[in-house]
Amino acid sequence: MKQFTLTLLFTFLIVAQTTQIDSLESVLSSGKGTTETKYTLALLYHDEVAKEENGDYTDRAEELFKEVLTEDKTNAMALAYYGSLMTLMGRDAFLPWNKMKYVEQGCDKMDKAITIQPDNITIRMTRAMNNVNLPDFFNRIGYILEDFKYLREHQAFSSFDTSMQTEIFFYSGVTYEKNDEVLKAKEMYKKAVETGSKTQLVARAQEALSDLSE
């Protein structure tokens, strides 16, 4: 019964997302759309691409982000998510040199977004969570540590959703561990466990702590 309920909820969310996309596309087609309409639609397409490879959604998202940035060159949020989209394009690219090109260009855009709005929590979280999944040879560990430190020390951190706090602590631990800073990694994993959230990351943090203690 529980599995059925979860499947039904997931189906409902997909339908709602598709309906929202179609609705916004209709607004743009009517000529009544604004820059904000384009940004919202681009973000929806971005999130769909993040879930799984979809060339049509990727192309449309890129087109919309470009239009938004043409109309508003200082839109740091659009620039950050466009950068994130480009790293996803690198994820899905077939040729190795295209993978490298897209990821490097995407990281450059996210870095520029932070220079425009260094205190934007969403942009910091976007770059951190995007970069934490990149292979180490892209040399992004310093940026990841910087962003997670910023988020952990932000005055709003205590008001973050518990699952988000867990996510930040856990991936801080993962990054410190990759950087051979074991004591800091253990500290972050411990804090992830102490959040008491119900996410799977708590179990993974406990496992990581156990592995580092052996």
C-alpha atoms as a PDB file:
ATOM      1  CA  MET A   1       0.000   0.000   0.000  1.00  0.00           C
ATOM      2  CA  LYS A   2       2.840   2.372   0.915  1.00  0.00           C
ATOM      3  CA  GLN A   3       4.616   1.671  -2.394  1.00  0.00           C
ATOM      4  CA  PHE A   4       1.384   2.316  -4.271  1.00  0.00           C
ATOM      5  CA  THR A   5       0.946   5.655  -2.477  1.00  0.00           C
ATOM      6  CA  LEU A   6       4.516   6.728  -3.286  1.00  0.00           C
ATOM      7  CA  THR A   7       4.083   5.744  -6.939  1.00  0.00           C
ATOM      8  CA  LEU A   8       0.831   7.703  -7.119  1.00  0.00           C
ATOM      9  CA  LEU A   9       2.490  10.755  -5.555  1.00  0.00           C
ATOM     10  CA  PHE A  10       5.438  10.534  -7.959  1.00  0.00           C
ATOM     11  CA  THR A  11       3.059  10.296 -10.927  1.00  0.00           C
ATOM     12  CA  PHE A  12       1.115  13.299  -9.650  1.00  0.00           C
ATOM     13  CA  LEU A  13       4.298  15.377  -9.362  1.00  0.00           C
ATOM     14  CA  ILE A  14       5.358  14.473 -12.914  1.00  0.00           C
ATOM     15  CA  VAL A  15       1.940  15.456 -14.278  1.00  0.00           C
ATOM     16  CA  ALA A  16       2.004  18.718 -12.298  1.00  0.00           C
ATOM     17  CA  GLN A  17       5.485  19.537 -13.587  1.00  0.00           C
ATOM     18  CA  THR A  18       4.494  18.810 -17.190  1.00  0.00           C
ATOM     19  CA  THR A  19       1.336  20.889 -16.816  1.00  0.00           C
ATOM     20  CA  GLN A  20       3.339  23.820 -15.472  1.00  0.00           C
ATOM     21  CA  ILE A  21       5.803  23.593 -18.352  1.00  0.00           C
ATOM     22  CA  ASP A  22       3.005  23.484 -20.927  1.00  0.00           C
ATOM     23  CA  SER A  23       1.274  26.406 -19.264  1.00  0.00           C
ATOM     24  CA  LEU A  24       4.385  28.591 -19.306  1.00  0.00           C
ATOM     25  CA  GLU A  25       5.152  27.648 -22.910  1.00  0.00           C
ATOM     26  CA  SER A  26       1.632  28.773 -23.820  1.00  0.00           C
ATOM     27  CA  VAL A  27       2.228  32.115 -22.106  1.00  0.00           C
ATOM     28  CA  LEU A  28       5.420  32.630 -24.103  1.00  0.00           C
ATOM     29  CA  SER A  29       3.711  31.597 -27.334  1.00  0.00           C
ATOM     30  CA  SER A  30       1.016  34.194 -26.727  1.00  0.00           C
ATOM     31  CA  GLY A  31       3.674  36.907 -26.522  1.00  0.00           C
ATOM     32  CA  LYS A  32       2.742  37.783 -22.938  1.00  0.00           C
ATOM     33  CA  GLY A  33       5.755  36.194 -21.284  1.00  0.00           C
ATOM     34  CA  THR A  34       8.363  38.154 -19.339  1.00  0.00           C
ATOM     35  CA  THR A  35      12.006  37.551 -18.524  1.00  0.00           C
ATOM     36  CA  GLU A  36      10.833  35.988 -15.268  1.00  0.00           C
ATOM     37  CA  THR A  37       8.541  33.632 -17.207  1.00  0.00           C
ATOM     38  CA  LYS A  38      11.482  32.496 -19.311  1.00  0.00           C
ATOM     39  CA  TYR A  39      13.665  32.014 -16.236  1.00  0.00           C
ATOM     40  CA  THR A  40      11.020  29.958 -14.425  1.00  0.00           C
ATOM     41  CA  LEU A  41      10.498  27.769 -17.488  1.00  0.00           C
ATOM     42  CA  ALA A  42      14.252  27.334 -18.030  1.00  0.00           C
ATOM     43  CA  LEU A  43      14.601  26.235 -14.411  1.00  0.00           C
ATOM     44  CA  LEU A  44      11.852  23.642 -14.818  1.00  0.00           C
ATOM     45  CA  TYR A  45      13.591  22.234 -17.875  1.00  0.00           C
ATOM     46  CA  HIS A  46      16.919  22.272 -16.007  1.00  0.00           C
ATOM     47  CA  ASP A  47      15.422  20.190 -13.196  1.00  0.00           C
ATOM     48  CA  GLU A  48      14.053  17.674 -15.678  1.00  0.00           C
ATOM     49  CA  VAL A  49      17.479  17.336 -17.317  1.00  0.00           C
ATOM     50  CA  ALA A  50      19.034  16.842 -13.860  1.00  0.00           C
ATOM     51  CA  LYS A  51      16.775  13.823 -13.319  1.00  0.00           C
ATOM     52  CA  GLU A  52      17.694  12.123 -16.573  1.00  0.00           C
ATOM     53  CA  GLU A  53      19.172  12.844 -19.983  1.00  0.00           C
ATOM     54  CA  ASN A  54      16.726  14.645 -22.272  1.00  0.00           C
ATOM     55  CA  GLY A  55      18.128  16.400 -25.334  1.00  0.00           C
ATOM     56  CA  ASP A  56      14.951  18.312 -26.151  1.00  0.00           C
ATOM     57  CA  TYR A  57      14.680  19.724 -22.636  1.00  0.00           C
ATOM     58  CA  THR A  58      18.398  20.534 -22.617  1.00  0.00           C
ATOM     59  CA  ASP A  59      18.190  22.503 -25.862  1.00  0.00           C
ATOM     60  CA  ARG A  60      15.103  24.413 -24.732  1.00  0.00           C
ATOM     61  CA  ALA A  61      16.592  25.202 -21.310  1.00  0.00           C
ATOM     62  CA  GLU A  62      19.787  26.518 -22.895  1.00  0.00           C
ATOM     63  CA  GLU A  63      17.806  28.642 -25.348  1.00  0.00           C
ATOM     64  CA  LEU A  64      15.777  30.181 -22.541  1.00  0.00           C
ATOM     65  CA  PHE A  65      18.751  30.824 -20.239  1.00  0.00           C
ATOM     66  CA  LYS A  66      20.513  32.597 -23.113  1.00  0.00           C
ATOM     67  CA  GLU A  67      17.455  34.785 -23.715  1.00  0.00           C
ATOM     68  CA  VAL A  68      17.185  35.638 -20.026  1.00  0.00           C
ATOM     69  CA  LEU A  69      20.858  36.603 -19.843  1.00  0.00           C
ATOM     70  CA  THR A  70      20.574  38.675 -23.014  1.00  0.00           C
ATOM     71  CA  GLU A  71      17.731  40.606 -21.416  1.00  0.00           C
ATOM     72  CA  ASP A  72      19.364  40.773 -17.980  1.00  0.00           C
ATOM     73  CA  LYS A  73      23.131  40.275 -18.067  1.00  0.00           C
ATOM     74  CA  THR A  74      23.466  40.544 -14.267  1.00  0.00           C
ATOM     75  CA  ASN A  75      20.933  37.803 -13.468  1.00  0.00           C
ATOM     76  CA  ALA A  76      23.214  35.734 -11.257  1.00  0.00           C
ATOM     77  CA  MET A  77      20.615  33.031 -10.597  1.00  0.00           C
ATOM     78  CA  ALA A  78      20.081  32.416 -14.310  1.00  0.00           C
ATOM     79  CA  LEU A  79      23.845  32.353 -14.849  1.00  0.00           C
ATOM     80  CA  ALA A  80      24.341  29.837 -12.034  1.00  0.00           C
ATOM     81  CA  TYR A  81      21.659  27.484 -13.292  1.00  0.00           C
ATOM     82  CA  TYR A  82      22.859  27.860 -16.874  1.00  0.00           C
ATOM     83  CA  GLY A  83      26.279  26.800 -15.600  1.00  0.00           C
ATOM     84  CA  SER A  84      24.712  23.846 -13.839  1.00  0.00           C
ATOM     85  CA  LEU A  85      22.897  22.923 -17.049  1.00  0.00           C
ATOM     86  CA  MET A  86      26.184  22.967 -18.944  1.00  0.00           C
ATOM     87  CA  THR A  87      27.776  20.520 -16.511  1.00  0.00           C
ATOM     88  CA  LEU A  88      24.755  18.262 -17.078  1.00  0.00           C
ATOM     89  CA  MET A  89      25.394  18.613 -20.805  1.00  0.00           C
ATOM     90  CA  GLY A  90      28.910  17.424 -20.048  1.00  0.00           C
ATOM     91  CA  ARG A  91      27.478  14.495 -18.128  1.00  0.00           C
ATOM     92  CA  ASP A  92      25.387  13.488 -21.132  1.00  0.00           C
ATOM     93  CA  ALA A  93      27.908  14.246 -23.897  1.00  0.00           C
ATOM     94  CA  PHE A  94      29.301  11.241 -25.777  1.00  0.00           C
ATOM     95  CA  LEU A  95      32.740  12.535 -26.732  1.00  0.00           C
ATOM     96  CA  PRO A  96      35.271  12.981 -23.877  1.00  0.00           C
ATOM     97  CA  TRP A  97      36.478  16.387 -25.071  1.00  0.00           C
ATOM     98  CA  ASN A  98      32.890  17.645 -25.167  1.00  0.00           C
ATOM     99  CA  LYS A  99      32.380  16.402 -21.622  1.00  0.00           C
ATOM    100  CA  MET A 100      35.423  18.396 -20.500  1.00  0.00           C
ATOM    101  CA  LYS A 101      34.415  21.493 -22.476  1.00  0.00           C
ATOM    102  CA  TYR A 102      30.862  21.661 -21.147  1.00  0.00           C
ATOM    103  CA  VAL A 103      31.854  21.038 -17.534  1.00  0.00           C
ATOM    104  CA  GLU A 104      34.617  23.643 -17.613  1.00  0.00           C
ATOM    105  CA  GLN A 105      32.330  26.220 -19.231  1.00  0.00           C
ATOM    106  CA  GLY A 106      29.568  25.397 -16.750  1.00  0.00           C
ATOM    107  CA  CYS A 107      31.886  25.820 -13.763  1.00  0.00           C
ATOM    108  CA  ASP A 108      33.087  29.146 -15.144  1.00  0.00           C
ATOM    109  CA  LYS A 109      29.506  30.385 -15.290  1.00  0.00           C
ATOM    110  CA  MET A 110      28.754  29.286 -11.724  1.00  0.00           C
ATOM    111  CA  ASP A 111      31.963  30.938 -10.513  1.00  0.00           C
ATOM    112  CA  LYS A 112      30.983  34.172 -12.267  1.00  0.00           C
ATOM    113  CA  ALA A 113      27.502  34.002 -10.705  1.00  0.00           C
ATOM    114  CA  ILE A 114      29.082  33.935  -7.250  1.00  0.00           C
ATOM    115  CA  THR A 115      31.284  36.918  -8.056  1.00  0.00           C
ATOM    116  CA  ILE A 116      28.064  38.783  -8.918  1.00  0.00           C
ATOM    117  CA  GLN A 117      26.173  37.645  -5.815  1.00  0.00           C
ATOM    118  CA  PRO A 118      28.627  36.106  -3.314  1.00  0.00           C
ATOM    119  CA  ASP A 119      26.031  36.098  -0.527  1.00  0.00           C
ATOM    120  CA  ASN A 120      23.308  34.297  -2.450  1.00  0.00           C
ATOM    121  CA  ILE A 121      22.598  31.069  -0.537  1.00  0.00           C
ATOM    122  CA  THR A 122      20.854  29.392  -3.473  1.00  0.00           C
ATOM    123  CA  ILE A 123      23.769  30.010  -5.814  1.00  0.00           C
ATOM    124  CA  ARG A 124      26.239  28.742  -3.216  1.00  0.00           C
ATOM    125  CA  MET A 125      24.172  25.586  -2.709  1.00  0.00           C
ATOM    126  CA  THR A 126      23.755  25.094  -6.455  1.00  0.00           C
ATOM    127  CA  ARG A 127      27.495  25.270  -7.132  1.00  0.00           C
ATOM    128  CA  ALA A 128      28.398  23.122  -4.133  1.00  0.00           C
ATOM    129  CA  MET A 129      25.947  20.327  -4.902  1.00  0.00           C
ATOM    130  CA  ASN A 130      26.762  20.429  -8.594  1.00  0.00           C
ATOM    131  CA  ASN A 131      30.519  20.366  -8.091  1.00  0.00           C
ATOM    132  CA  VAL A 132      30.504  17.688  -5.400  1.00  0.00           C
ATOM    133  CA  ASN A 133      29.507  15.141  -8.045  1.00  0.00           C
ATOM    134  CA  LEU A 134      32.270  16.083 -10.485  1.00  0.00           C
ATOM    135  CA  PRO A 135      35.359  13.883 -10.917  1.00  0.00           C
ATOM    136  CA  ASP A 136      38.354  15.033  -8.861  1.00  0.00           C
ATOM    137  CA  PHE A 137      40.437  15.894 -11.932  1.00  0.00           C
ATOM    138  CA  PHE A 138      38.345  19.030 -12.435  1.00  0.00           C
ATOM    139  CA  ASN A 139      40.017  20.382  -9.260  1.00  0.00           C
ATOM    140  CA  ARG A 140      36.838  21.779  -7.730  1.00  0.00           C
ATOM    141  CA  ILE A 141      37.414  20.672  -4.123  1.00  0.00           C
ATOM    142  CA  GLY A 142      38.488  24.151  -3.023  1.00  0.00           C
ATOM    143  CA  TYR A 143      35.268  25.681  -4.367  1.00  0.00           C
ATOM    144  CA  ILE A 144      33.133  22.979  -2.746  1.00  0.00           C
ATOM    145  CA  LEU A 145      34.766  23.473   0.658  1.00  0.00           C
ATOM    146  CA  GLU A 146      34.364  27.246   0.334  1.00  0.00           C
ATOM    147  CA  ASP A 147      30.655  26.986  -0.466  1.00  0.00           C
ATOM    148  CA  PHE A 148      29.805  24.450   2.222  1.00  0.00           C
ATOM    149  CA  LYS A 149      31.745  26.461   4.824  1.00  0.00           C
ATOM    150  CA  TYR A 150      29.826  29.562   3.780  1.00  0.00           C
ATOM    151  CA  LEU A 151      26.518  27.707   4.135  1.00  0.00           C
ATOM    152  CA  ARG A 152      27.377  26.113   7.495  1.00  0.00           C
ATOM    153  CA  GLU A 153      28.447  29.456   8.957  1.00  0.00           C
ATOM    154  CA  HIS A 154      25.569  31.474   7.539  1.00  0.00           C
ATOM    155  CA  GLN A 155      23.254  32.988  10.143  1.00  0.00           C
ATOM    156  CA  ALA A 156      20.279  31.390   8.387  1.00  0.00           C
ATOM    157  CA  PHE A 157      21.705  27.861   8.634  1.00  0.00           C
ATOM    158  CA  SER A 158      19.788  27.047  11.830  1.00  0.00           C
ATOM    159  CA  SER A 159      16.537  27.766  10.011  1.00  0.00           C
ATOM    160  CA  PHE A 160      17.361  25.468   7.089  1.00  0.00           C
ATOM    161  CA  ASP A 161      15.260  22.341   6.684  1.00  0.00           C
ATOM    162  CA  THR A 162      16.810  19.485   8.691  1.00  0.00           C
ATOM    163  CA  SER A 163      17.321  17.386   5.578  1.00  0.00           C
ATOM    164  CA  MET A 164      19.221  20.264   3.961  1.00  0.00           C
ATOM    165  CA  GLN A 165      21.437  20.624   7.027  1.00  0.00           C
ATOM    166  CA  THR A 166      22.160  16.896   6.844  1.00  0.00           C
ATOM    167  CA  GLU A 167      22.989  17.201   3.163  1.00  0.00           C
ATOM    168  CA  ILE A 168      25.410  20.069   3.776  1.00  0.00           C
ATOM    169  CA  PHE A 169      27.155  18.307   6.669  1.00  0.00           C
ATOM    170  CA  PHE A 170      27.358  14.986   4.850  1.00  0.00           C
ATOM    171  CA  TYR A 171      28.802  16.334   1.621  1.00  0.00           C
ATOM    172  CA  SER A 172      31.150  18.576   3.588  1.00  0.00           C
ATOM    173  CA  GLY A 173      32.410  15.334   5.118  1.00  0.00           C
ATOM    174  CA  VAL A 174      32.723  13.671   1.723  1.00  0.00           C
ATOM    175  CA  THR A 175      34.763  16.600   0.406  1.00  0.00           C
ATOM    176  CA  TYR A 176      37.039  16.780   3.447  1.00  0.00           C
ATOM    177  CA  GLU A 177      37.622  13.044   3.143  1.00  0.00           C
ATOM    178  CA  LYS A 178      38.571  13.433  -0.529  1.00  0.00           C
ATOM    179  CA  ASN A 179      40.950  16.194   0.560  1.00  0.00           C
ATOM    180  CA  ASP A 180      42.567  13.857   3.116  1.00  0.00           C
ATOM    181  CA  GLU A 181      41.300  15.922   6.058  1.00  0.00           C
ATOM    182  CA  VAL A 182      40.053  12.965   8.054  1.00  0.00           C
ATOM    183  CA  LEU A 183      39.380  14.698  11.371  1.00  0.00           C
ATOM    184  CA  LYS A 184      37.250  17.371   9.708  1.00  0.00           C
ATOM    185  CA  ALA A 185      35.472  14.691   7.667  1.00  0.00           C
ATOM    186  CA  LYS A 186      34.584  12.769  10.835  1.00  0.00           C
ATOM    187  CA  GLU A 187      33.353  15.968  12.473  1.00  0.00           C
ATOM    188  CA  MET A 188      31.035  16.684   9.544  1.00  0.00           C
ATOM    189  CA  TYR A 189      29.727  13.109   9.378  1.00  0.00           C
ATOM    190  CA  LYS A 190      29.025  13.209  13.100  1.00  0.00           C
ATOM    191  CA  LYS A 191      27.097  16.457  12.730  1.00  0.00           C
ATOM    192  CA  ALA A 192      25.115  14.932   9.854  1.00  0.00           C
ATOM    193  CA  VAL A 193      24.069  12.079  12.135  1.00  0.00           C
ATOM    194  CA  GLU A 194      23.223  14.472  14.965  1.00  0.00           C
ATOM    195  CA  THR A 195      20.707  16.355  12.834  1.00  0.00           C
ATOM    196  CA  GLY A 196      18.397  13.405  13.371  1.00  0.00           C
ATOM    197  CA  SER A 197      16.829  13.714   9.953  1.00  0.00           C
ATOM    198  CA  LYS A 198      15.195  10.698   8.335  1.00  0.00           C
ATOM    199  CA  THR A 199      17.154  10.847   5.097  1.00  0.00           C
ATOM    200  CA  GLN A 200      19.367   8.052   3.813  1.00  0.00           C
ATOM    201  CA  LEU A 201      22.356  10.355   4.184  1.00  0.00           C
ATOM    202  CA  VAL A 202      22.295   9.811   7.950  1.00  0.00           C
ATOM    203  CA  ALA A 203      22.881   6.094   7.451  1.00  0.00           C
ATOM    204  CA  ARG A 204      25.636   6.843   4.941  1.00  0.00           C
ATOM    205  CA  ALA A 205      27.259   9.244   7.414  1.00  0.00           C
ATOM    206  CA  GLN A 206      27.185   6.567  10.108  1.00  0.00           C
ATOM    207  CA  GLU A 207      28.784   4.106   7.704  1.00  0.00           C
ATOM    208  CA  ALA A 208      31.456   6.642   6.745  1.00  0.00           C
ATOM    209  CA  LEU A 209      32.225   7.285  10.408  1.00  0.00           C
ATOM    210  CA  SER A 210      32.579   3.581  11.004  1.00  0.00           C
ATOM    211  CA  ASP A 211      34.926   3.195   8.034  1.00  0.00           C
ATOM    212  CA  LEU A 212      37.135   6.100   9.145  1.00  0.00           C
ATOM    213  CA  SER A 213      37.338   4.706  12.677  1.00  0.00           C
ATOM    214  CA  GLU A 214      38.706   1.340  11.599  1.00  0.00           C
END
